[in-house]
């Protein structure tokens, strides 16, 4: 019979520090670093801006492609969709970057 306890060594496993058990006194004054929280919030905001740009371009391009198929035209509406998507994406990017940098 094998019994695993909290202090039993297990090969390939490193237990994380216990924050609720008897060792919790070690972490009672632990406060998250505000610089790290701020950096991760900015990082996530920038990822969202990237998704906004790619979504704008892809959405307008696909919309133009569907209009081209519906009307039976050459790729004129696809090209218009790409141009419109790039414009909307970059205008939105500059507006969002202004809010991230605090200028807006």
Foldseek 3Di string as FASTA:
>chain_A
DDDDDPPDDDPPDDDDDDCPPPCVVVCPPPDDDVVVVLVVVLVVLVVVLVVLLVCLQVVLLVVQVVVCVVVVHDSPSNVVSNVRSNVVSVVVSVVSVCVSVVVD
